[in-house]
N, C-alpha and C. Protein backbone atom coordinates (compact mmCIF):
# COMPACT_ATOMS: atom_id res chain seq x y z
N MET A 1 -12.72 57.40 -0.59
CA MET A 1 -13.08 56.03 -0.26
C MET A 1 -12.64 55.74 1.17
N ARG A 2 -13.47 55.08 1.92
CA ARG A 2 -13.15 54.72 3.30
C ARG A 2 -12.11 53.60 3.34
N PRO A 3 -11.24 53.62 4.35
CA PRO A 3 -10.30 52.51 4.48
C PRO A 3 -11.06 51.24 4.84
N PRO A 4 -10.52 50.09 4.48
CA PRO A 4 -11.21 48.83 4.80
C PRO A 4 -11.29 48.61 6.30
N ASP A 5 -12.32 47.90 6.71
CA ASP A 5 -12.52 47.57 8.11
C ASP A 5 -11.73 46.30 8.42
N LEU A 6 -10.57 46.45 9.03
CA LEU A 6 -9.73 45.29 9.32
C LEU A 6 -10.35 44.38 10.36
N ASP A 7 -11.34 44.87 11.11
CA ASP A 7 -12.02 44.01 12.07
C ASP A 7 -12.84 42.93 11.36
N ALA A 8 -13.09 43.12 10.06
CA ALA A 8 -13.79 42.10 9.28
C ALA A 8 -12.90 40.89 9.07
N LEU A 9 -11.61 41.02 9.40
CA LEU A 9 -10.64 39.93 9.27
C LEU A 9 -10.06 39.65 10.66
N PRO A 10 -10.83 38.98 11.54
CA PRO A 10 -10.40 38.83 12.92
C PRO A 10 -9.12 38.02 13.11
N ALA A 11 -8.73 37.19 12.15
CA ALA A 11 -7.55 36.36 12.33
C ALA A 11 -6.25 37.09 12.01
N ILE A 12 -6.34 38.31 11.49
CA ILE A 12 -5.14 39.02 11.07
C ILE A 12 -4.20 39.24 12.26
N PRO A 13 -2.92 38.87 12.12
CA PRO A 13 -1.98 39.12 13.22
C PRO A 13 -1.85 40.62 13.46
N ARG A 14 -2.04 41.06 14.70
CA ARG A 14 -1.99 42.49 15.00
C ARG A 14 -1.63 42.72 16.46
N ASP A 15 -1.23 43.96 16.71
CA ASP A 15 -1.05 44.40 18.08
C ASP A 15 -1.99 45.60 18.28
N ASP A 16 -1.77 46.37 19.34
CA ASP A 16 -2.67 47.49 19.63
C ASP A 16 -2.64 48.57 18.55
N GLU A 17 -1.56 48.63 17.78
CA GLU A 17 -1.41 49.69 16.78
C GLU A 17 -1.81 49.25 15.37
N GLY A 18 -2.12 47.98 15.18
CA GLY A 18 -2.53 47.52 13.86
C GLY A 18 -1.85 46.23 13.46
N PRO A 19 -1.86 45.91 12.15
CA PRO A 19 -1.28 44.66 11.68
C PRO A 19 0.22 44.57 11.99
N VAL A 20 0.67 43.35 12.25
CA VAL A 20 2.10 43.10 12.46
C VAL A 20 2.57 42.08 11.41
N PHE A 21 3.81 42.23 11.02
CA PHE A 21 4.36 41.41 9.94
C PHE A 21 5.68 40.80 10.40
N ARG A 22 5.90 39.53 10.04
CA ARG A 22 7.15 38.86 10.39
C ARG A 22 8.21 39.02 9.31
N ALA A 23 7.79 39.42 8.11
CA ALA A 23 8.73 39.57 7.00
C ALA A 23 8.24 40.67 6.07
N PRO A 24 9.15 41.32 5.36
CA PRO A 24 8.74 42.40 4.45
C PRO A 24 7.69 41.99 3.42
N TRP A 25 7.78 40.76 2.91
CA TRP A 25 6.81 40.35 1.88
C TRP A 25 5.39 40.35 2.43
N GLU A 26 5.22 40.08 3.73
CA GLU A 26 3.88 40.09 4.31
C GLU A 26 3.30 41.50 4.26
N ALA A 27 4.11 42.49 4.63
CA ALA A 27 3.65 43.88 4.59
C ALA A 27 3.36 44.31 3.15
N GLN A 28 4.18 43.85 2.22
CA GLN A 28 3.98 44.21 0.81
C GLN A 28 2.69 43.61 0.27
N ALA A 29 2.43 42.35 0.59
CA ALA A 29 1.18 41.71 0.13
C ALA A 29 -0.02 42.40 0.75
N PHE A 30 0.08 42.74 2.03
CA PHE A 30 -0.99 43.46 2.71
C PHE A 30 -1.25 44.79 2.01
N ALA A 31 -0.18 45.54 1.74
CA ALA A 31 -0.32 46.86 1.10
C ALA A 31 -0.91 46.75 -0.30
N MET A 32 -0.50 45.73 -1.06
CA MET A 32 -1.06 45.56 -2.40
C MET A 32 -2.55 45.35 -2.37
N ALA A 33 -3.02 44.54 -1.43
CA ALA A 33 -4.47 44.30 -1.33
C ALA A 33 -5.20 45.59 -0.96
N ILE A 34 -4.63 46.36 -0.04
CA ILE A 34 -5.27 47.61 0.36
C ILE A 34 -5.35 48.57 -0.83
N VAL A 35 -4.25 48.72 -1.57
CA VAL A 35 -4.23 49.64 -2.71
C VAL A 35 -5.21 49.19 -3.80
N LEU A 36 -5.25 47.91 -4.09
CA LEU A 36 -6.19 47.42 -5.12
C LEU A 36 -7.64 47.66 -4.67
N HIS A 37 -7.91 47.48 -3.39
CA HIS A 37 -9.24 47.78 -2.87
C HIS A 37 -9.54 49.27 -3.02
N GLU A 38 -8.58 50.11 -2.62
CA GLU A 38 -8.79 51.56 -2.70
C GLU A 38 -9.01 52.02 -4.14
N ARG A 39 -8.43 51.32 -5.09
CA ARG A 39 -8.59 51.67 -6.51
C ARG A 39 -9.86 51.08 -7.11
N GLY A 40 -10.65 50.39 -6.29
CA GLY A 40 -11.94 49.90 -6.73
C GLY A 40 -11.94 48.58 -7.46
N HIS A 41 -10.85 47.82 -7.37
CA HIS A 41 -10.79 46.54 -8.08
C HIS A 41 -11.65 45.46 -7.41
N PHE A 42 -11.91 45.62 -6.11
CA PHE A 42 -12.80 44.70 -5.40
C PHE A 42 -13.27 45.38 -4.12
N THR A 43 -14.40 44.90 -3.61
CA THR A 43 -14.91 45.42 -2.35
C THR A 43 -14.20 44.71 -1.20
N TRP A 44 -14.25 45.32 -0.03
CA TRP A 44 -13.64 44.66 1.12
C TRP A 44 -14.42 43.41 1.50
N LYS A 45 -15.72 43.43 1.29
CA LYS A 45 -16.53 42.23 1.58
C LYS A 45 -16.10 41.08 0.65
N GLU A 46 -15.86 41.41 -0.61
CA GLU A 46 -15.40 40.38 -1.56
C GLU A 46 -14.04 39.85 -1.12
N TRP A 47 -13.13 40.75 -0.74
CA TRP A 47 -11.80 40.33 -0.29
C TRP A 47 -11.91 39.40 0.92
N ALA A 48 -12.68 39.82 1.93
CA ALA A 48 -12.81 39.04 3.15
C ALA A 48 -13.40 37.66 2.86
N GLY A 49 -14.36 37.60 1.96
CA GLY A 49 -14.96 36.31 1.58
C GLY A 49 -13.96 35.40 0.89
N ARG A 50 -13.18 35.97 -0.02
CA ARG A 50 -12.17 35.17 -0.73
C ARG A 50 -11.09 34.67 0.23
N LEU A 51 -10.67 35.54 1.15
CA LEU A 51 -9.66 35.13 2.13
C LEU A 51 -10.21 34.04 3.04
N ALA A 52 -11.45 34.19 3.46
CA ALA A 52 -12.08 33.16 4.30
C ALA A 52 -12.14 31.83 3.56
N ASP A 53 -12.44 31.88 2.26
CA ASP A 53 -12.47 30.65 1.46
C ASP A 53 -11.08 30.00 1.40
N GLU A 54 -10.05 30.82 1.24
CA GLU A 54 -8.67 30.31 1.17
C GLU A 54 -8.27 29.65 2.49
N ILE A 55 -8.62 30.28 3.60
CA ILE A 55 -8.31 29.72 4.91
C ILE A 55 -9.10 28.43 5.15
N ALA A 56 -10.37 28.41 4.73
CA ALA A 56 -11.19 27.20 4.88
C ALA A 56 -10.60 26.05 4.05
N ALA A 57 -10.12 26.36 2.85
CA ALA A 57 -9.52 25.32 2.00
C ALA A 57 -8.25 24.77 2.66
N ALA A 58 -7.49 25.63 3.30
CA ALA A 58 -6.28 25.19 4.00
C ALA A 58 -6.65 24.26 5.16
N ARG A 59 -7.70 24.61 5.88
CA ARG A 59 -8.15 23.74 6.98
C ARG A 59 -8.58 22.38 6.45
N GLU A 60 -9.28 22.39 5.31
CA GLU A 60 -9.71 21.12 4.71
C GLU A 60 -8.53 20.27 4.28
N ARG A 61 -7.41 20.92 3.93
CA ARG A 61 -6.19 20.19 3.56
C ARG A 61 -5.44 19.71 4.80
N GLY A 62 -5.93 20.10 5.98
CA GLY A 62 -5.31 19.67 7.22
C GLY A 62 -4.21 20.59 7.73
N GLU A 63 -4.10 21.80 7.18
CA GLU A 63 -3.09 22.73 7.65
C GLU A 63 -3.48 23.29 9.01
N ALA A 64 -2.51 23.38 9.91
CA ALA A 64 -2.76 23.92 11.25
C ALA A 64 -3.07 25.41 11.14
N ASP A 65 -4.02 25.86 11.94
CA ASP A 65 -4.41 27.27 11.94
C ASP A 65 -3.84 27.94 13.18
N ASP A 66 -2.50 28.12 13.18
CA ASP A 66 -1.85 28.74 14.33
C ASP A 66 -1.45 30.19 14.07
N GLY A 67 -1.84 30.74 12.92
CA GLY A 67 -1.56 32.13 12.59
C GLY A 67 -0.27 32.36 11.83
N ARG A 68 0.64 31.38 11.84
CA ARG A 68 1.93 31.58 11.16
C ARG A 68 1.80 31.62 9.64
N ARG A 69 0.77 31.01 9.09
CA ARG A 69 0.62 30.97 7.64
C ARG A 69 -0.41 31.98 7.13
N TYR A 70 -0.88 32.86 7.99
CA TYR A 70 -1.93 33.79 7.62
C TYR A 70 -1.60 34.56 6.34
N TYR A 71 -0.40 35.11 6.26
CA TYR A 71 -0.07 35.91 5.08
C TYR A 71 0.22 35.05 3.85
N HIS A 72 0.49 33.78 4.05
CA HIS A 72 0.56 32.87 2.90
C HIS A 72 -0.83 32.77 2.27
N TYR A 73 -1.86 32.69 3.11
CA TYR A 73 -3.23 32.65 2.61
C TYR A 73 -3.61 34.00 1.99
N TRP A 74 -3.15 35.07 2.61
CA TRP A 74 -3.40 36.42 2.10
C TRP A 74 -2.82 36.54 0.69
N LEU A 75 -1.57 36.09 0.52
CA LEU A 75 -0.90 36.18 -0.78
C LEU A 75 -1.60 35.27 -1.81
N ALA A 76 -1.97 34.06 -1.41
CA ALA A 76 -2.67 33.16 -2.33
C ALA A 76 -3.99 33.78 -2.78
N THR A 77 -4.70 34.41 -1.85
CA THR A 77 -5.96 35.10 -2.20
C THR A 77 -5.69 36.23 -3.17
N LEU A 78 -4.67 37.01 -2.90
CA LEU A 78 -4.32 38.13 -3.78
C LEU A 78 -3.97 37.64 -5.18
N GLU A 79 -3.16 36.60 -5.28
CA GLU A 79 -2.78 36.06 -6.59
C GLU A 79 -4.01 35.60 -7.37
N LYS A 80 -4.89 34.88 -6.71
CA LYS A 80 -6.09 34.37 -7.39
C LYS A 80 -7.02 35.51 -7.81
N LEU A 81 -7.18 36.48 -6.94
CA LEU A 81 -8.10 37.59 -7.22
C LEU A 81 -7.60 38.45 -8.38
N VAL A 82 -6.30 38.77 -8.40
CA VAL A 82 -5.80 39.60 -9.51
C VAL A 82 -5.86 38.83 -10.83
N ALA A 83 -5.68 37.52 -10.79
CA ALA A 83 -5.80 36.71 -12.00
C ALA A 83 -7.27 36.63 -12.44
N ASP A 84 -8.17 36.34 -11.50
CA ASP A 84 -9.60 36.22 -11.83
C ASP A 84 -10.17 37.51 -12.40
N LYS A 85 -9.69 38.64 -11.90
CA LYS A 85 -10.19 39.94 -12.35
C LYS A 85 -9.37 40.52 -13.50
N HIS A 86 -8.41 39.75 -13.97
CA HIS A 86 -7.56 40.16 -15.10
C HIS A 86 -6.81 41.46 -14.83
N ILE A 87 -6.48 41.69 -13.56
CA ILE A 87 -5.63 42.81 -13.19
C ILE A 87 -4.22 42.50 -13.65
N VAL A 88 -3.84 41.26 -13.47
CA VAL A 88 -2.59 40.70 -13.99
C VAL A 88 -2.98 39.38 -14.62
N LEU A 89 -2.52 39.13 -15.81
CA LEU A 89 -2.83 37.87 -16.47
C LEU A 89 -2.17 36.71 -15.73
N ALA A 90 -2.85 35.58 -15.68
CA ALA A 90 -2.36 34.42 -14.94
C ALA A 90 -0.98 34.00 -15.43
N ASP A 91 -0.74 34.03 -16.76
CA ASP A 91 0.57 33.65 -17.29
C ASP A 91 1.65 34.61 -16.81
N GLU A 92 1.35 35.90 -16.77
CA GLU A 92 2.31 36.89 -16.29
C GLU A 92 2.61 36.66 -14.81
N LEU A 93 1.58 36.37 -14.04
CA LEU A 93 1.75 36.11 -12.62
C LEU A 93 2.64 34.89 -12.39
N ARG A 94 2.38 33.81 -13.13
CA ARG A 94 3.21 32.60 -13.01
C ARG A 94 4.65 32.88 -13.40
N ALA A 95 4.86 33.63 -14.48
CA ALA A 95 6.21 33.94 -14.94
C ALA A 95 6.96 34.76 -13.89
N ARG A 96 6.30 35.76 -13.32
CA ARG A 96 6.97 36.60 -12.32
C ARG A 96 7.27 35.80 -11.06
N LYS A 97 6.32 34.95 -10.65
CA LYS A 97 6.53 34.13 -9.46
C LYS A 97 7.72 33.18 -9.69
N SER A 98 7.79 32.60 -10.86
CA SER A 98 8.89 31.70 -11.21
C SER A 98 10.22 32.45 -11.20
N ALA A 99 10.23 33.66 -11.75
CA ALA A 99 11.45 34.46 -11.78
C ALA A 99 11.93 34.78 -10.36
N TRP A 100 10.98 35.12 -9.47
CA TRP A 100 11.36 35.42 -8.10
C TRP A 100 11.88 34.17 -7.39
N GLU A 101 11.26 33.02 -7.62
CA GLU A 101 11.72 31.79 -6.99
C GLU A 101 13.13 31.44 -7.46
N ALA A 102 13.40 31.60 -8.77
CA ALA A 102 14.73 31.32 -9.30
C ALA A 102 15.77 32.27 -8.71
N ALA A 103 15.40 33.55 -8.63
CA ALA A 103 16.33 34.54 -8.07
C ALA A 103 16.59 34.25 -6.59
N ALA A 104 15.56 33.88 -5.85
CA ALA A 104 15.73 33.57 -4.43
C ALA A 104 16.65 32.37 -4.25
N ALA A 105 16.48 31.36 -5.09
CA ALA A 105 17.32 30.16 -5.00
C ALA A 105 18.79 30.48 -5.32
N ALA A 106 19.02 31.48 -6.14
CA ALA A 106 20.39 31.84 -6.56
C ALA A 106 21.03 32.87 -5.64
N THR A 107 20.29 33.36 -4.65
CA THR A 107 20.79 34.43 -3.79
C THR A 107 21.34 33.85 -2.49
N PRO A 108 22.58 34.19 -2.14
CA PRO A 108 23.12 33.72 -0.86
C PRO A 108 22.27 34.24 0.31
N HIS A 109 22.20 33.42 1.35
CA HIS A 109 21.42 33.78 2.53
C HIS A 109 21.86 35.13 3.06
N GLY A 110 20.89 35.98 3.39
CA GLY A 110 21.17 37.28 3.97
C GLY A 110 21.39 38.38 2.96
N GLN A 111 21.45 38.04 1.69
CA GLN A 111 21.65 39.04 0.64
C GLN A 111 20.30 39.41 0.03
N PRO A 112 20.18 40.63 -0.50
CA PRO A 112 18.92 41.01 -1.16
C PRO A 112 18.69 40.18 -2.41
N ILE A 113 17.46 39.83 -2.64
CA ILE A 113 17.10 39.08 -3.85
C ILE A 113 16.99 40.05 -5.01
N VAL A 114 17.65 39.71 -6.11
CA VAL A 114 17.63 40.54 -7.31
C VAL A 114 17.12 39.69 -8.46
N LEU A 115 16.06 40.16 -9.13
CA LEU A 115 15.58 39.41 -10.30
C LEU A 115 16.70 39.31 -11.31
N GLY A 116 16.83 38.13 -11.91
CA GLY A 116 17.89 37.90 -12.88
C GLY A 116 19.14 37.34 -12.24
N ALA A 117 19.15 37.25 -10.90
CA ALA A 117 20.34 36.74 -10.21
C ALA A 117 20.61 35.29 -10.57
N ASP A 118 19.57 34.54 -10.92
CA ASP A 118 19.76 33.14 -11.29
C ASP A 118 20.57 33.01 -12.57
N ALA A 119 20.44 33.96 -13.48
CA ALA A 119 21.18 33.93 -14.74
C ALA A 119 22.65 34.20 -14.51
N ALA A 120 22.99 34.98 -13.47
CA ALA A 120 24.37 35.33 -13.19
C ALA A 120 25.08 34.26 -12.34
N ARG A 121 24.31 33.32 -11.81
CA ARG A 121 24.87 32.29 -10.94
C ARG A 121 25.71 31.32 -11.74
N PRO A 122 26.92 31.01 -11.28
CA PRO A 122 27.75 30.06 -12.00
C PRO A 122 27.10 28.68 -12.01
N LYS A 123 27.19 28.01 -13.13
CA LYS A 123 26.63 26.66 -13.26
C LYS A 123 27.63 25.65 -12.72
N PRO A 124 27.15 24.61 -11.99
CA PRO A 124 28.06 23.58 -11.45
C PRO A 124 28.65 22.72 -12.55
């Protein structure tokens, strides 16, 4: 299978060597979309259309299009696409997202986030 044509996504933050990421989660979300495409779960045209729809919806909500939120839209597109295609059930996706948010809230700044960390956090 051919790699996706990243030029079909002109807004993607990149330098001369390819995509650039400000945080590890951005690279991980990017990689997940590439792998799911390579495994045949969706075409690159379908992905690009869904991402364009997500960005257009953000513009309609009045969000500034300065490139800083690009991977937020990428992740939102990925979440919706895997749920719509039943790659991951929507309830499972919500539960995992909630678990990560709870663990992040319970993790001191600068420390790695560990799922279940919220359960180990002392209660006030």
